[in-house]
């Protein structure tokens, strides 16, 4: 799962989760920003593709390193 959190003053106000597929706001400011980001189809497609480009690309490397060390 790919998660991108946005926070200010140690308080998370919005998050993108690949399992949900969109931004979710946790504060009034975060809800407003999440609505703006969710309306931008190109930004959402970039965030959705981040799981394949970052997580799935590196997962085998991480597993191999973790399993060979134990």
Protein backbone atom coordinates (compact mmCIF):
# COMPACT_ATOMS: atom_id res chain seq x y z
CA UNK A 1 0.00 0.00 0.00
CA UNK A 2 1.28 3.44 -0.91
CA UNK A 3 0.42 6.26 1.53
CA UNK A 4 1.32 9.92 1.17
CA UNK A 5 0.54 12.03 4.21
CA UNK A 6 0.37 15.79 4.41
CA UNK A 7 0.88 17.30 7.84
CA UNK A 8 1.45 20.64 9.49
CA UNK A 9 2.63 21.21 13.06
CA UNK A 10 2.84 17.42 13.59
CA UNK A 11 -0.86 17.08 12.73
CA UNK A 12 -1.92 15.11 9.68
CA UNK A 13 -4.50 17.04 7.67
CA UNK A 14 -4.76 14.95 4.48
CA UNK A 15 -3.66 11.59 3.15
CA UNK A 16 -3.59 9.70 -0.14
CA UNK A 17 -3.92 5.95 0.21
CA UNK A 18 -3.54 3.61 -2.74
CA UNK A 19 -6.14 1.25 -1.26
CA UNK A 20 -8.74 4.07 -1.21
CA UNK A 21 -7.51 5.60 -4.48
CA UNK A 22 -8.12 9.21 -3.50
CA UNK A 23 -7.23 11.88 -0.98
CA UNK A 24 -9.00 12.01 2.37
CA UNK A 25 -9.01 15.09 4.59
CA UNK A 26 -8.93 14.94 8.38
CA UNK A 27 -9.31 18.62 9.23
CA UNK A 28 -11.32 21.44 7.65
CA UNK A 29 -8.20 22.58 5.77
CA UNK A 30 -7.45 19.00 4.74
CA UNK A 31 -10.97 18.38 3.44
CA UNK A 32 -10.76 21.48 1.26
CA UNK A 33 -7.38 20.44 -0.14
CA UNK A 34 -8.50 16.83 -0.65
CA UNK A 35 -11.49 18.05 -2.69
CA UNK A 36 -9.20 20.15 -4.89
CA UNK A 37 -6.70 17.31 -5.37
CA UNK A 38 -9.44 14.74 -6.06
CA UNK A 39 -10.86 16.94 -8.83
CA UNK A 40 -7.50 17.00 -10.63
CA UNK A 41 -7.57 13.80 -12.71
CA UNK A 42 -3.94 14.05 -13.80
CA UNK A 43 -2.67 14.42 -10.21
CA UNK A 44 -4.80 11.47 -9.08
CA UNK A 45 -3.44 9.29 -11.88
CA UNK A 46 0.13 10.18 -10.86
CA UNK A 47 -0.58 9.28 -7.25
CA UNK A 48 -2.30 6.02 -8.25
CA UNK A 49 0.68 5.10 -10.44
CA UNK A 50 3.11 5.75 -7.57
CA UNK A 51 2.33 2.34 -6.08
CA UNK A 52 3.50 0.57 -9.24
CA UNK A 53 6.48 2.84 -9.86
CA UNK A 54 7.78 2.96 -6.29
CA UNK A 55 6.43 0.10 -4.19
CA UNK A 56 6.23 -2.77 -6.65
CA UNK A 57 9.56 -1.82 -8.21
CA UNK A 58 11.38 -2.00 -4.85
CA UNK A 59 9.48 -4.72 -3.00
CA UNK A 60 11.58 -7.61 -4.34
CA UNK A 61 14.78 -5.75 -3.41
CA UNK A 62 13.50 -5.16 0.12
CA UNK A 63 12.37 -8.79 0.55
CA UNK A 64 15.68 -10.15 -0.74
CA UNK A 65 17.68 -7.94 1.62
CA UNK A 66 15.50 -8.70 4.62
CA UNK A 67 15.41 -12.46 4.02
CA UNK A 68 19.15 -12.83 3.42
CA UNK A 69 19.97 -10.96 6.64
CA UNK A 70 17.83 -13.17 8.90
